[in-house]
Amino acid sequence: MWEFRKGLWLASLVVLLVTGAVSLLISRSFSNRVDRLTSFSRRVAEGDFRPIDADRSGDALEAFGGVPE
């Protein structure tokens, strides 16, 4: 029984670490995109209307992130 519990704890730890790493990568991706949009908004508020490079990820944030094609 102890070997089974040990294996279960180890598998749980591995799953926790992998999901934590994937969550970190996804949240950083969104955070970077939101930072770009914030910077763009500040530039527009200051009168600089140059577009930013479009982010071609295909999600809802793409509509706000750059020049439409």
PDB file of N, CA and C in Angstrom:
ATOM      1  N   MET A   1       0.828  -1.195   0.000  1.00  0.00           N
ATOM      2  CA  MET A   1       0.000   0.000   0.000  1.00  0.00           C
ATOM      3  C   MET A   1       0.875   1.263   0.000  1.00  0.00           C
ATOM      4  N   TRP A   2       2.003   1.197   0.732  1.00  0.00           N
ATOM      5  CA  TRP A   2       2.878   2.364   0.803  1.00  0.00           C
ATOM      6  C   TRP A   2       3.441   2.736  -0.568  1.00  0.00           C
ATOM      7  N   GLU A   3       3.803   1.750  -1.369  1.00  0.00           N
ATOM      8  CA  GLU A   3       4.336   2.013  -2.710  1.00  0.00           C
ATOM      9  C   GLU A   3       3.286   2.686  -3.590  1.00  0.00           C
ATOM     10  N   PHE A   4       2.045   2.258  -3.465  1.00  0.00           N
ATOM     11  CA  PHE A   4       0.965   2.876  -4.236  1.00  0.00           C
ATOM     12  C   PHE A   4       0.795   4.338  -3.833  1.00  0.00           C
ATOM     13  N   ARG A   5       0.775   4.602  -2.541  1.00  0.00           N
ATOM     14  CA  ARG A   5       0.636   5.996  -2.061  1.00  0.00           C
ATOM     15  C   ARG A   5       1.815   6.851  -2.508  1.00  0.00           C
ATOM     16  N   LYS A   6       2.995   6.288  -2.429  1.00  0.00           N
ATOM     17  CA  LYS A   6       4.202   7.008  -2.849  1.00  0.00           C
ATOM     18  C   LYS A   6       4.116   7.364  -4.335  1.00  0.00           C
ATOM     19  N   GLY A   7       3.698   6.411  -5.153  1.00  0.00           N
ATOM     20  CA  GLY A   7       3.542   6.665  -6.588  1.00  0.00           C
ATOM     21  C   GLY A   7       2.456   7.700  -6.869  1.00  0.00           C
ATOM     22  N   LEU A   8       1.369   7.630  -6.103  1.00  0.00           N
ATOM     23  CA  LEU A   8       0.284   8.588  -6.269  1.00  0.00           C
ATOM     24  C   LEU A   8       0.733  10.004  -5.910  1.00  0.00           C
ATOM     25  N   TRP A   9       1.478  10.135  -4.812  1.00  0.00           N
ATOM     26  CA  TRP A   9       2.004  11.450  -4.433  1.00  0.00           C
ATOM     27  C   TRP A   9       2.965  11.994  -5.490  1.00  0.00           C
ATOM     28  N   LEU A  10       3.812  11.133  -6.002  1.00  0.00           N
ATOM     29  CA  LEU A  10       4.773  11.551  -7.022  1.00  0.00           C
ATOM     30  C   LEU A  10       4.053  11.989  -8.301  1.00  0.00           C
ATOM     31  N   ALA A  11       3.063  11.223  -8.733  1.00  0.00           N
ATOM     32  CA  ALA A  11       2.298  11.580  -9.931  1.00  0.00           C
ATOM     33  C   ALA A  11       1.549  12.889  -9.715  1.00  0.00           C
ATOM     34  N   SER A  12       0.992  13.064  -8.531  1.00  0.00           N
ATOM     35  CA  SER A  12       0.279  14.311  -8.224  1.00  0.00           C
ATOM     36  C   SER A  12       1.222  15.505  -8.259  1.00  0.00           C
ATOM     37  N   LEU A  13       2.418  15.331  -7.731  1.00  0.00           N
ATOM     38  CA  LEU A  13       3.404  16.408  -7.737  1.00  0.00           C
ATOM     39  C   LEU A  13       3.820  16.767  -9.161  1.00  0.00           C
ATOM     40  N   VAL A  14       4.041  15.765  -9.988  1.00  0.00           N
ATOM     41  CA  VAL A  14       4.417  16.008 -11.385  1.00  0.00           C
ATOM     42  C   VAL A  14       3.300  16.751 -12.112  1.00  0.00           C
ATOM     43  N   VAL A  15       2.062  16.315 -11.934  1.00  0.00           N
ATOM     44  CA  VAL A  15       0.928  16.984 -12.576  1.00  0.00           C
ATOM     45  C   VAL A  15       0.814  18.429 -12.084  1.00  0.00           C
ATOM     46  N   LEU A  16       0.997  18.649 -10.797  1.00  0.00           N
ATOM     47  CA  LEU A  16       0.941  19.999 -10.247  1.00  0.00           C
ATOM     48  C   LEU A  16       2.020  20.896 -10.852  1.00  0.00           C
ATOM     49  N   LEU A  17       3.231  20.389 -10.967  1.00  0.00           N
ATOM     50  CA  LEU A  17       4.325  21.177 -11.537  1.00  0.00           C
ATOM     51  C   LEU A  17       4.094  21.491 -13.017  1.00  0.00           C
ATOM     52  N   VAL A  18       3.626  20.508 -13.761  1.00  0.00           N
ATOM     53  CA  VAL A  18       3.389  20.726 -15.196  1.00  0.00           C
ATOM     54  C   VAL A  18       2.261  21.731 -15.402  1.00  0.00           C
ATOM     55  N   THR A  19       1.157  21.574 -14.688  1.00  0.00           N
ATOM     56  CA  THR A  19       0.045  22.522 -14.859  1.00  0.00           C
ATOM     57  C   THR A  19       0.430  23.912 -14.372  1.00  0.00           C
ATOM     58  N   GLY A  20       1.243  23.990 -13.333  1.00  0.00           N
ATOM     59  CA  GLY A  20       1.720  25.297 -12.871  1.00  0.00           C
ATOM     60  C   GLY A  20       2.575  25.990 -13.917  1.00  0.00           C
ATOM     61  N   ALA A  21       3.457  25.240 -14.554  1.00  0.00           N
ATOM     62  CA  ALA A  21       4.318  25.817 -15.589  1.00  0.00           C
ATOM     63  C   ALA A  21       3.501  26.274 -16.796  1.00  0.00           C
ATOM     64  N   VAL A  22       2.544  25.462 -17.215  1.00  0.00           N
ATOM     65  CA  VAL A  22       1.703  25.835 -18.358  1.00  0.00           C
ATOM     66  C   VAL A  22       0.867  27.068 -18.017  1.00  0.00           C
ATOM     67  N   SER A  23       0.325  27.110 -16.817  1.00  0.00           N
ATOM     68  CA  SER A  23      -0.462  28.276 -16.392  1.00  0.00           C
ATOM     69  C   SER A  23       0.395  29.537 -16.379  1.00  0.00           C
ATOM     70  N   LEU A  24       1.620  29.420 -15.925  1.00  0.00           N
ATOM     71  CA  LEU A  24       2.528  30.566 -15.903  1.00  0.00           C
ATOM     72  C   LEU A  24       2.796  31.080 -17.313  1.00  0.00           C
ATOM     73  N   LEU A  25       3.044  30.181 -18.244  1.00  0.00           N
ATOM     74  CA  LEU A  25       3.309  30.587 -19.624  1.00  0.00           C
ATOM     75  C   LEU A  25       2.093  31.277 -20.246  1.00  0.00           C
ATOM     76  N   ILE A  26       0.918  30.735 -20.016  1.00  0.00           N
ATOM     77  CA  ILE A  26      -0.292  31.326 -20.577  1.00  0.00           C
ATOM     78  C   ILE A  26      -0.554  32.691 -19.960  1.00  0.00           C
ATOM     79  N   SER A  27      -0.423  32.811 -18.652  1.00  0.00           N
ATOM     80  CA  SER A  27      -0.686  34.095 -18.007  1.00  0.00           C
ATOM     81  C   SER A  27       0.331  35.146 -18.431  1.00  0.00           C
ATOM     82  N   ARG A  28       1.582  34.755 -18.639  1.00  0.00           N
ATOM     83  CA  ARG A  28       2.590  35.710 -19.119  1.00  0.00           C
ATOM     84  C   ARG A  28       2.262  36.187 -20.526  1.00  0.00           C
ATOM     85  N   SER A  29       1.770  35.283 -21.342  1.00  0.00           N
ATOM     86  CA  SER A  29       1.397  35.653 -22.703  1.00  0.00           C
ATOM     87  C   SER A  29       0.305  36.727 -22.690  1.00  0.00           C
ATOM     88  N   PHE A  30      -0.740  36.486 -21.906  1.00  0.00           N
ATOM     89  CA  PHE A  30      -1.818  37.472 -21.816  1.00  0.00           C
ATOM     90  C   PHE A  30      -1.335  38.765 -21.173  1.00  0.00           C
ATOM     91  N   SER A  31      -0.499  38.641 -20.163  1.00  0.00           N
ATOM     92  CA  SER A  31       0.013  39.823 -19.478  1.00  0.00           C
ATOM     93  C   SER A  31       0.842  40.689 -20.418  1.00  0.00           C
ATOM     94  N   ASN A  32       1.686  40.067 -21.232  1.00  0.00           N
ATOM     95  CA  ASN A  32       2.489  40.826 -22.192  1.00  0.00           C
ATOM     96  C   ASN A  32       1.609  41.539 -23.210  1.00  0.00           C
ATOM     97  N   ARG A  33       0.557  40.872 -23.644  1.00  0.00           N
ATOM     98  CA  ARG A  33      -0.338  41.483 -24.630  1.00  0.00           C
ATOM     99  C   ARG A  33      -1.110  42.646 -24.017  1.00  0.00           C
ATOM    100  N   VAL A  34      -1.550  42.490 -22.782  1.00  0.00           N
ATOM    101  CA  VAL A  34      -2.256  43.574 -22.104  1.00  0.00           C
ATOM    102  C   VAL A  34      -1.310  44.748 -21.877  1.00  0.00           C
ATOM    103  N   ASP A  35      -0.064  44.469 -21.546  1.00  0.00           N
ATOM    104  CA  ASP A  35       0.930  45.541 -21.393  1.00  0.00           C
ATOM    105  C   ASP A  35       1.123  46.305 -22.701  1.00  0.00           C
ATOM    106  N   ARG A  36       1.166  45.582 -23.825  1.00  0.00           N
ATOM    107  CA  ARG A  36       1.296  46.244 -25.133  1.00  0.00           C
ATOM    108  C   ARG A  36       0.095  47.146 -25.407  1.00  0.00           C
ATOM    109  N   LEU A  37      -1.098  46.651 -25.095  1.00  0.00           N
ATOM    110  CA  LEU A  37      -2.303  47.447 -25.309  1.00  0.00           C
ATOM    111  C   LEU A  37      -2.332  48.669 -24.399  1.00  0.00           C
ATOM    112  N   THR A  38      -1.877  48.514 -23.174  1.00  0.00           N
ATOM    113  CA  THR A  38      -1.813  49.639 -22.240  1.00  0.00           C
ATOM    114  C   THR A  38      -0.854  50.697 -22.755  1.00  0.00           C
ATOM    115  N   SER A  39       0.304  50.256 -23.232  1.00  0.00           N
ATOM    116  CA  SER A  39       1.275  51.193 -23.789  1.00  0.00           C
ATOM    117  C   SER A  39       0.704  51.919 -25.004  1.00  0.00           C
ATOM    118  N   PHE A  40       0.024  51.175 -25.868  1.00  0.00           N
ATOM    119  CA  PHE A  40      -0.600  51.776 -27.044  1.00  0.00           C
ATOM    120  C   PHE A  40      -1.659  52.801 -26.632  1.00  0.00           C
ATOM    121  N   SER A  41      -2.461  52.468 -25.637  1.00  0.00           N
ATOM    122  CA  SER A  41      -3.498  53.390 -25.168  1.00  0.00           C
ATOM    123  C   SER A  41      -2.892  54.677 -24.622  1.00  0.00           C
ATOM    124  N   ARG A  42      -1.803  54.555 -23.900  1.00  0.00           N
ATOM    125  CA  ARG A  42      -1.132  55.762 -23.387  1.00  0.00           C
ATOM    126  C   ARG A  42      -0.603  56.619 -24.522  1.00  0.00           C
ATOM    127  N   ARG A  43      -0.025  55.970 -25.541  1.00  0.00           N
ATOM    128  CA  ARG A  43       0.474  56.729 -26.689  1.00  0.00           C
ATOM    129  C   ARG A  43      -0.659  57.464 -27.388  1.00  0.00           C
ATOM    130  N   VAL A  44      -1.799  56.797 -27.576  1.00  0.00           N
ATOM    131  CA  VAL A  44      -2.933  57.434 -28.239  1.00  0.00           C
ATOM    132  C   VAL A  44      -3.440  58.599 -27.400  1.00  0.00           C
ATOM    133  N   ALA A  45      -3.469  58.434 -26.079  1.00  0.00           N
ATOM    134  CA  ALA A  45      -3.910  59.514 -25.203  1.00  0.00           C
ATOM    135  C   ALA A  45      -2.991  60.722 -25.305  1.00  0.00           C
ATOM    136  N   GLU A  46      -1.724  60.494 -25.629  1.00  0.00           N
ATOM    137  CA  GLU A  46      -0.761  61.579 -25.785  1.00  0.00           C
ATOM    138  C   GLU A  46      -0.755  62.145 -27.200  1.00  0.00           C
ATOM    139  N   GLY A  47      -1.559  61.566 -28.107  1.00  0.00           N
ATOM    140  CA  GLY A  47      -1.666  62.094 -29.456  1.00  0.00           C
ATOM    141  C   GLY A  47      -0.857  61.338 -30.495  1.00  0.00           C
ATOM    142  N   ASP A  48      -0.217  60.266 -30.123  1.00  0.00           N
ATOM    143  CA  ASP A  48       0.573  59.458 -31.055  1.00  0.00           C
ATOM    144  C   ASP A  48      -0.326  58.339 -31.583  1.00  0.00           C
ATOM    145  N   PHE A  49      -0.767  58.450 -32.831  1.00  0.00           N
ATOM    146  CA  PHE A  49      -1.734  57.515 -33.389  1.00  0.00           C
ATOM    147  C   PHE A  49      -1.107  56.451 -34.288  1.00  0.00           C
ATOM    148  N   ARG A  50       0.193  56.255 -34.174  1.00  0.00           N
ATOM    149  CA  ARG A  50       0.833  55.200 -34.961  1.00  0.00           C
ATOM    150  C   ARG A  50       0.331  53.842 -34.482  1.00  0.00           C
ATOM    151  N   PRO A  51      -0.002  52.943 -35.420  1.00  0.00           N
ATOM    152  CA  PRO A  51      -0.485  51.617 -34.996  1.00  0.00           C
ATOM    153  C   PRO A  51       0.646  50.760 -34.454  1.00  0.00           C
ATOM    154  N   ILE A  52       0.286  49.793 -33.634  1.00  0.00           N
ATOM    155  CA  ILE A  52       1.272  48.820 -33.169  1.00  0.00           C
ATOM    156  C   ILE A  52       1.195  47.612 -34.100  1.00  0.00           C
ATOM    157  N   ASP A  53       2.249  46.818 -34.098  1.00  0.00           N
ATOM    158  CA  ASP A  53       2.259  45.610 -34.921  1.00  0.00           C
ATOM    159  C   ASP A  53       1.161  44.669 -34.449  1.00  0.00           C
ATOM    160  N   ALA A  54       0.432  44.125 -35.397  1.00  0.00           N
ATOM    161  CA  ALA A  54      -0.670  43.219 -35.064  1.00  0.00           C
ATOM    162  C   ALA A  54      -0.135  41.919 -34.486  1.00  0.00           C
ATOM    163  N   ASP A  55      -0.837  41.402 -33.529  1.00  0.00           N
ATOM    164  CA  ASP A  55      -0.519  40.122 -32.913  1.00  0.00           C
ATOM    165  C   ASP A  55      -1.422  39.081 -33.549  1.00  0.00           C
ATOM    166  N   ARG A  56      -0.873  38.129 -34.251  1.00  0.00           N
ATOM    167  CA  ARG A  56      -1.653  37.172 -35.047  1.00  0.00           C
ATOM    168  C   ARG A  56      -1.993  35.900 -34.279  1.00  0.00           C
ATOM    169  N   SER A  57      -2.498  36.038 -33.068  1.00  0.00           N
ATOM    170  CA  SER A  57      -2.808  34.849 -32.275  1.00  0.00           C
ATOM    171  C   SER A  57      -4.195  34.297 -32.569  1.00  0.00           C
ATOM    172  N   GLY A  58      -5.090  35.095 -33.118  1.00  0.00           N
ATOM    173  CA  GLY A  58      -6.405  34.615 -33.491  1.00  0.00           C
ATOM    174  C   GLY A  58      -7.435  34.631 -32.387  1.00  0.00           C
ATOM    175  N   ASP A  59      -7.168  35.301 -31.266  1.00  0.00           N
ATOM    176  CA  ASP A  59      -8.168  35.330 -30.215  1.00  0.00           C
ATOM    177  C   ASP A  59      -8.836  36.705 -30.130  1.00  0.00           C
ATOM    178  N   ALA A  60      -9.623  36.930 -29.106  1.00  0.00           N
ATOM    179  CA  ALA A  60     -10.410  38.161 -28.989  1.00  0.00           C
ATOM    180  C   ALA A  60      -9.537  39.399 -28.833  1.00  0.00           C
ATOM    181  N   LEU A  61      -8.364  39.276 -28.243  1.00  0.00           N
ATOM    182  CA  LEU A  61      -7.494  40.438 -28.071  1.00  0.00           C
ATOM    183  C   LEU A  61      -6.901  40.914 -29.394  1.00  0.00           C
ATOM    184  N   GLU A  62      -6.870  40.054 -30.393  1.00  0.00           N
ATOM    185  CA  GLU A  62      -6.309  40.436 -31.688  1.00  0.00           C
ATOM    186  C   GLU A  62      -7.072  41.591 -32.298  1.00  0.00           C
ATOM    187  N   ALA A  63      -8.364  41.671 -32.093  1.00  0.00           N
ATOM    188  CA  ALA A  63      -9.188  42.727 -32.671  1.00  0.00           C
ATOM    189  C   ALA A  63      -8.774  44.104 -32.153  1.00  0.00           C
ATOM    190  N   PHE A  64      -8.171  44.171 -30.975  1.00  0.00           N
ATOM    191  CA  PHE A  64      -7.788  45.447 -30.388  1.00  0.00           C
ATOM    192  C   PHE A  64      -6.304  45.730 -30.492  1.00  0.00           C
ATOM    193  N   GLY A  65      -5.512  44.787 -30.990  1.00  0.00           N
ATOM    194  CA  GLY A  65      -4.077  44.896 -30.887  1.00  0.00           C
ATOM    195  C   GLY A  65      -3.345  45.486 -32.068  1.00  0.00           C
ATOM    196  N   GLY A  66      -3.984  45.829 -33.154  1.00  0.00           N
ATOM    197  CA  GLY A  66      -3.206  46.323 -34.262  1.00  0.00           C
ATOM    198  C   GLY A  66      -4.068  46.794 -35.410  1.00  0.00           C
ATOM    199  N   VAL A  67      -3.456  46.857 -36.557  1.00  0.00           N
ATOM    200  CA  VAL A  67      -4.101  47.367 -37.764  1.00  0.00           C
ATOM    201  C   VAL A  67      -4.893  46.248 -38.420  1.00  0.00           C
ATOM    202  N   PRO A  68      -6.150  46.463 -38.745  1.00  0.00           N
ATOM    203  CA  PRO A  68      -6.890  45.425 -39.450  1.00  0.00           C
ATOM    204  C   PRO A  68      -6.369  45.241 -40.860  1.00  0.00           C
ATOM    205  N   GLU A  69      -6.472  44.032 -41.362  1.00  0.00           N
ATOM    206  CA  GLU A  69      -5.980  43.758 -42.715  1.00  0.00           C
ATOM    207  C   GLU A  69      -7.008  44.104 -43.745  1.00  0.00           C
TER     208      GLU A  69
END
